[in-house]
Every structure is written in structure tokens, then in C-alpha cells.
């Protein structure tokens, strides 16, 4: 977990996000943009799980699957912004053209929620 200049703790390192995006064939993105994506993803993960205490937790106390879920969320946010959404299911250009997909729309990706469900605070639905 790293700390940004604004003091917000990120649940995953920027280098890991850079690697995930490079593997996905994404263009190079500057550090400020990556930090913004990770801040947003970290906040979404903390809110989903109901664990505000992760704001002050030491890096080695954050479980690996939480880091992975944060990276998956940040990656989805990146592609949602770029409109290169990895959830794209089909495209067609016959005549009028068309496409259908499962849009991300700012919620946590299904893969991330599956990883995080066991960390959710009791009583949350």
C-alpha cells in the first residue's frame, strides 16, 4: 500500500497497475492518472467491504486478494475511461453497426466482488 501526496492510502501499488495495463496492451499512462485510478478503486473497495480501517493499515496487513481486487477495479476504471472496455462482448458493423456489452458503469467488476465478498462487514447487503 502506498501513500499519495494527498495522504490517501492506496490498497495496491502503482507499479502493479502499470504492469496489468501493459499486459492488457494499454498505452503508457502518467503517474498522476494512475494514482487517481488507484485512489478511486481503493475507495470503492473499502466502501464495498465496509473497512475504513484499511486507510491506516500497514501494507503487509492488506490481504493479497484485496490488492488484486483493487487492481482489477482500477484496470476496469481505466478501460471504462478509454472506452476500450474489457467487458465488451460483441461488435457488428453490418449496415448500421452496433455493439453490445456488459458495461462497467462505476460499480465493482464481478471478479472483484467475488474476491471481496468474504471481507464484507456483517449486515451489509
C-alpha atoms as a PDB file:
ATOM      1  CA  UNK A   1       0.000   0.000   0.000  1.00  0.00           C
ATOM      2  CA  UNK A   2       1.350   3.410  -0.887  1.00  0.00           C
ATOM      3  CA  UNK A   3       0.505   6.877   0.298  1.00  0.00           C
ATOM      4  CA  UNK A   4      -0.145   9.687  -2.157  1.00  0.00           C
ATOM      5  CA  UNK A   5       0.695  13.358  -1.702  1.00  0.00           C
ATOM      6  CA  UNK A   6      -2.922  13.942  -0.631  1.00  0.00           C
ATOM      7  CA  UNK A   7      -2.429  11.429   2.190  1.00  0.00           C
ATOM      8  CA  UNK A   8      -4.894   8.881   0.760  1.00  0.00           C
ATOM      9  CA  UNK A   9      -3.743   5.295   1.140  1.00  0.00           C
ATOM     10  CA  UNK A  10      -3.939   3.039  -1.883  1.00  0.00           C
ATOM     11  CA  UNK A  11      -4.679  -0.644  -1.439  1.00  0.00           C
ATOM     12  CA  UNK A  12      -2.352  -1.643  -4.291  1.00  0.00           C
ATOM     13  CA  UNK A  13       0.975  -0.332  -5.633  1.00  0.00           C
ATOM     14  CA  UNK A  14       1.054   1.788  -8.781  1.00  0.00           C
ATOM     15  CA  UNK A  15       3.726  -0.433 -10.291  1.00  0.00           C
ATOM     16  CA  UNK A  16       1.346  -3.389 -10.184  1.00  0.00           C
ATOM     17  CA  UNK A  17      -1.331  -1.396 -12.012  1.00  0.00           C
ATOM     18  CA  UNK A  18       1.233  -0.316 -14.607  1.00  0.00           C
ATOM     19  CA  UNK A  19       2.112  -3.988 -15.204  1.00  0.00           C
ATOM     20  CA  UNK A  20      -1.561  -5.020 -15.525  1.00  0.00           C
ATOM     21  CA  UNK A  21      -2.244  -2.248 -18.021  1.00  0.00           C
ATOM     22  CA  UNK A  22       0.882  -3.072 -20.037  1.00  0.00           C
ATOM     23  CA  UNK A  23      -0.132  -6.742 -20.219  1.00  0.00           C
ATOM     24  CA  UNK A  24      -3.563  -5.607 -21.420  1.00  0.00           C
ATOM     25  CA  UNK A  25      -1.935  -3.623 -24.214  1.00  0.00           C
ATOM     26  CA  UNK A  26      -2.884  -0.223 -22.787  1.00  0.00           C
ATOM     27  CA  UNK A  27      -0.878   2.874 -23.613  1.00  0.00           C
ATOM     28  CA  UNK A  28       1.502   4.312 -21.057  1.00  0.00           C
ATOM     29  CA  UNK A  29      -0.293   6.480 -18.511  1.00  0.00           C
ATOM     30  CA  UNK A  30       1.294   9.115 -16.280  1.00  0.00           C
ATOM     31  CA  UNK A  31       1.696   8.651 -12.530  1.00  0.00           C
ATOM     32  CA  UNK A  32      -0.986  11.206 -11.635  1.00  0.00           C
ATOM     33  CA  UNK A  33      -3.587   9.382 -13.744  1.00  0.00           C
ATOM     34  CA  UNK A  34      -2.597   6.006 -12.277  1.00  0.00           C
ATOM     35  CA  UNK A  35      -2.742   7.391  -8.728  1.00  0.00           C
ATOM     36  CA  UNK A  36      -6.219   8.811  -9.433  1.00  0.00           C
ATOM     37  CA  UNK A  37      -7.417   5.425 -10.718  1.00  0.00           C
ATOM     38  CA  UNK A  38      -5.986   3.627  -7.693  1.00  0.00           C
ATOM     39  CA  UNK A  39      -7.467   6.173  -5.245  1.00  0.00           C
ATOM     40  CA  UNK A  40     -10.897   5.702  -6.815  1.00  0.00           C
ATOM     41  CA  UNK A  41     -10.549   1.906  -6.913  1.00  0.00           C
ATOM     42  CA  UNK A  42      -9.268   1.787  -3.312  1.00  0.00           C
ATOM     43  CA  UNK A  43     -12.194   3.897  -2.109  1.00  0.00           C
ATOM     44  CA  UNK A  44     -14.684   1.666  -3.938  1.00  0.00           C
ATOM     45  CA  UNK A  45     -13.135  -1.474  -2.455  1.00  0.00           C
ATOM     46  CA  UNK A  46     -13.098  -0.009   1.088  1.00  0.00           C
ATOM     47  CA  UNK A  47     -16.722   1.110   0.725  1.00  0.00           C
ATOM     48  CA  UNK A  48     -17.836  -2.247  -0.672  1.00  0.00           C
ATOM     49  CA  UNK A  49     -16.228  -4.150   2.167  1.00  0.00           C
ATOM     50  CA  UNK A  50     -17.025  -1.583   4.840  1.00  0.00           C
ATOM     51  CA  UNK A  51     -13.419  -1.364   6.074  1.00  0.00           C
ATOM     52  CA  UNK A  52     -12.418   2.250   6.635  1.00  0.00           C
ATOM     53  CA  UNK A  53      -9.626   0.976   8.926  1.00  0.00           C
ATOM     54  CA  UNK A  54      -7.718  -0.017   5.779  1.00  0.00           C
ATOM     55  CA  UNK A  55      -6.985   3.708   5.361  1.00  0.00           C
ATOM     56  CA  UNK A  56      -4.395   3.456   8.127  1.00  0.00           C
ATOM     57  CA  UNK A  57      -3.394  -0.204   7.822  1.00  0.00           C
ATOM     58  CA  UNK A  58       0.165  -1.276   7.154  1.00  0.00           C
ATOM     59  CA  UNK A  59       0.835  -2.637   3.681  1.00  0.00           C
ATOM     60  CA  UNK A  60       1.519  -6.186   4.835  1.00  0.00           C
ATOM     61  CA  UNK A  61      -1.822  -6.388   6.677  1.00  0.00           C
ATOM     62  CA  UNK A  62      -3.874  -5.909   3.493  1.00  0.00           C
ATOM     63  CA  UNK A  63      -4.714  -9.358   2.072  1.00  0.00           C
ATOM     64  CA  UNK A  64      -3.383 -10.181  -1.395  1.00  0.00           C
ATOM     65  CA  UNK A  65      -6.836 -10.810  -2.819  1.00  0.00           C
ATOM     66  CA  UNK A  66      -7.903  -7.327  -1.690  1.00  0.00           C
ATOM     67  CA  UNK A  67      -4.905  -5.892  -3.547  1.00  0.00           C
ATOM     68  CA  UNK A  68      -5.874  -7.956  -6.589  1.00  0.00           C
ATOM     69  CA  UNK A  69      -9.497  -6.786  -6.412  1.00  0.00           C
ATOM     70  CA  UNK A  70      -8.266  -3.176  -6.211  1.00  0.00           C
ATOM     71  CA  UNK A  71      -6.092  -3.663  -9.289  1.00  0.00           C
ATOM     72  CA  UNK A  72      -8.960  -5.314 -11.184  1.00  0.00           C
ATOM     73  CA  UNK A  73     -11.203  -2.368 -10.285  1.00  0.00           C
ATOM     74  CA  UNK A  74      -8.570   0.212 -11.285  1.00  0.00           C
ATOM     75  CA  UNK A  75      -7.994  -1.615 -14.573  1.00  0.00           C
ATOM     76  CA  UNK A  76     -11.742  -1.638 -15.274  1.00  0.00           C
ATOM     77  CA  UNK A  77     -11.937   2.086 -14.470  1.00  0.00           C
ATOM     78  CA  UNK A  78      -9.060   2.734 -16.871  1.00  0.00           C
ATOM     79  CA  UNK A  79     -10.731   0.853 -19.717  1.00  0.00           C
ATOM     80  CA  UNK A  80     -14.092   2.414 -18.931  1.00  0.00           C
ATOM     81  CA  UNK A  81     -12.477   5.849 -19.317  1.00  0.00           C
ATOM     82  CA  UNK A  82     -10.690   4.790 -22.511  1.00  0.00           C
ATOM     83  CA  UNK A  83     -13.799   3.074 -23.906  1.00  0.00           C
ATOM     84  CA  UNK A  84     -11.631   0.054 -24.527  1.00  0.00           C
ATOM     85  CA  UNK A  85     -13.833  -1.728 -22.032  1.00  0.00           C
ATOM     86  CA  UNK A  86     -12.603  -5.298 -21.453  1.00  0.00           C
ATOM     87  CA  UNK A  87     -16.228  -6.280 -20.779  1.00  0.00           C
ATOM     88  CA  UNK A  88     -17.028  -5.686 -24.455  1.00  0.00           C
ATOM     89  CA  UNK A  89     -18.904  -8.750 -25.662  1.00  0.00           C
ATOM     90  CA  UNK A  90     -19.625  -8.121 -29.332  1.00  0.00           C
ATOM     91  CA  UNK A  91     -19.459  -5.570 -32.129  1.00  0.00           C
ATOM     92  CA  UNK A  92     -21.103  -5.553 -35.523  1.00  0.00           C
ATOM     93  CA  UNK A  93     -20.682  -3.242 -38.494  1.00  0.00           C
ATOM     94  CA  UNK A  94     -23.137  -4.763 -40.927  1.00  0.00           C
ATOM     95  CA  UNK A  95     -25.052  -1.839 -42.374  1.00  0.00           C
ATOM     96  CA  UNK A  96     -25.915   0.371 -39.445  1.00  0.00           C
ATOM     97  CA  UNK A  97     -23.465  -1.121 -36.996  1.00  0.00           C
ATOM     98  CA  UNK A  98     -23.986  -1.999 -33.392  1.00  0.00           C
ATOM     99  CA  UNK A  99     -22.401  -3.328 -30.252  1.00  0.00           C
ATOM    100  CA  UNK A 100     -23.475  -4.999 -27.067  1.00  0.00           C
ATOM    101  CA  UNK A 101     -21.544  -5.382 -23.856  1.00  0.00           C
ATOM    102  CA  UNK A 102     -21.740  -5.592 -20.093  1.00  0.00           C
ATOM    103  CA  UNK A 103     -20.873  -2.013 -19.144  1.00  0.00           C
ATOM    104  CA  UNK A 104     -18.784  -1.344 -16.054  1.00  0.00           C
ATOM    105  CA  UNK A 105     -20.673   1.837 -15.076  1.00  0.00           C
ATOM    106  CA  UNK A 106     -18.619   2.513 -11.960  1.00  0.00           C
ATOM    107  CA  UNK A 107     -19.619  -0.497  -9.828  1.00  0.00           C
ATOM    108  CA  UNK A 108     -17.058  -3.085  -8.841  1.00  0.00           C
ATOM    109  CA  UNK A 109     -16.347  -5.678 -11.530  1.00  0.00           C
ATOM    110  CA  UNK A 110     -17.851  -9.115 -10.843  1.00  0.00           C
ATOM    111  CA  UNK A 111     -14.417 -10.684 -10.469  1.00  0.00           C
ATOM    112  CA  UNK A 112     -13.506  -8.127  -7.775  1.00  0.00           C
ATOM    113  CA  UNK A 113     -16.753  -8.597  -5.837  1.00  0.00           C
ATOM    114  CA  UNK A 114     -16.238 -12.357  -5.845  1.00  0.00           C
ATOM    115  CA  UNK A 115     -12.812 -11.838  -4.245  1.00  0.00           C
ATOM    116  CA  UNK A 116     -14.127  -9.358  -1.679  1.00  0.00           C
ATOM    117  CA  UNK A 117     -17.359 -10.980  -0.518  1.00  0.00           C
ATOM    118  CA  UNK A 118     -15.704 -12.799   2.386  1.00  0.00           C
ATOM    119  CA  UNK A 119     -14.339  -9.489   3.741  1.00  0.00           C
ATOM    120  CA  UNK A 120     -17.684  -7.683   3.804  1.00  0.00           C
ATOM    121  CA  UNK A 121     -18.838  -6.435   7.167  1.00  0.00           C
ATOM    122  CA  UNK A 122     -21.802  -8.356   8.591  1.00  0.00           C
ATOM    123  CA  UNK A 123     -25.175  -6.834   7.858  1.00  0.00           C
ATOM    124  CA  UNK A 124     -24.276  -5.315   4.501  1.00  0.00           C
ATOM    125  CA  UNK A 125     -26.289  -6.459   1.537  1.00  0.00           C
END
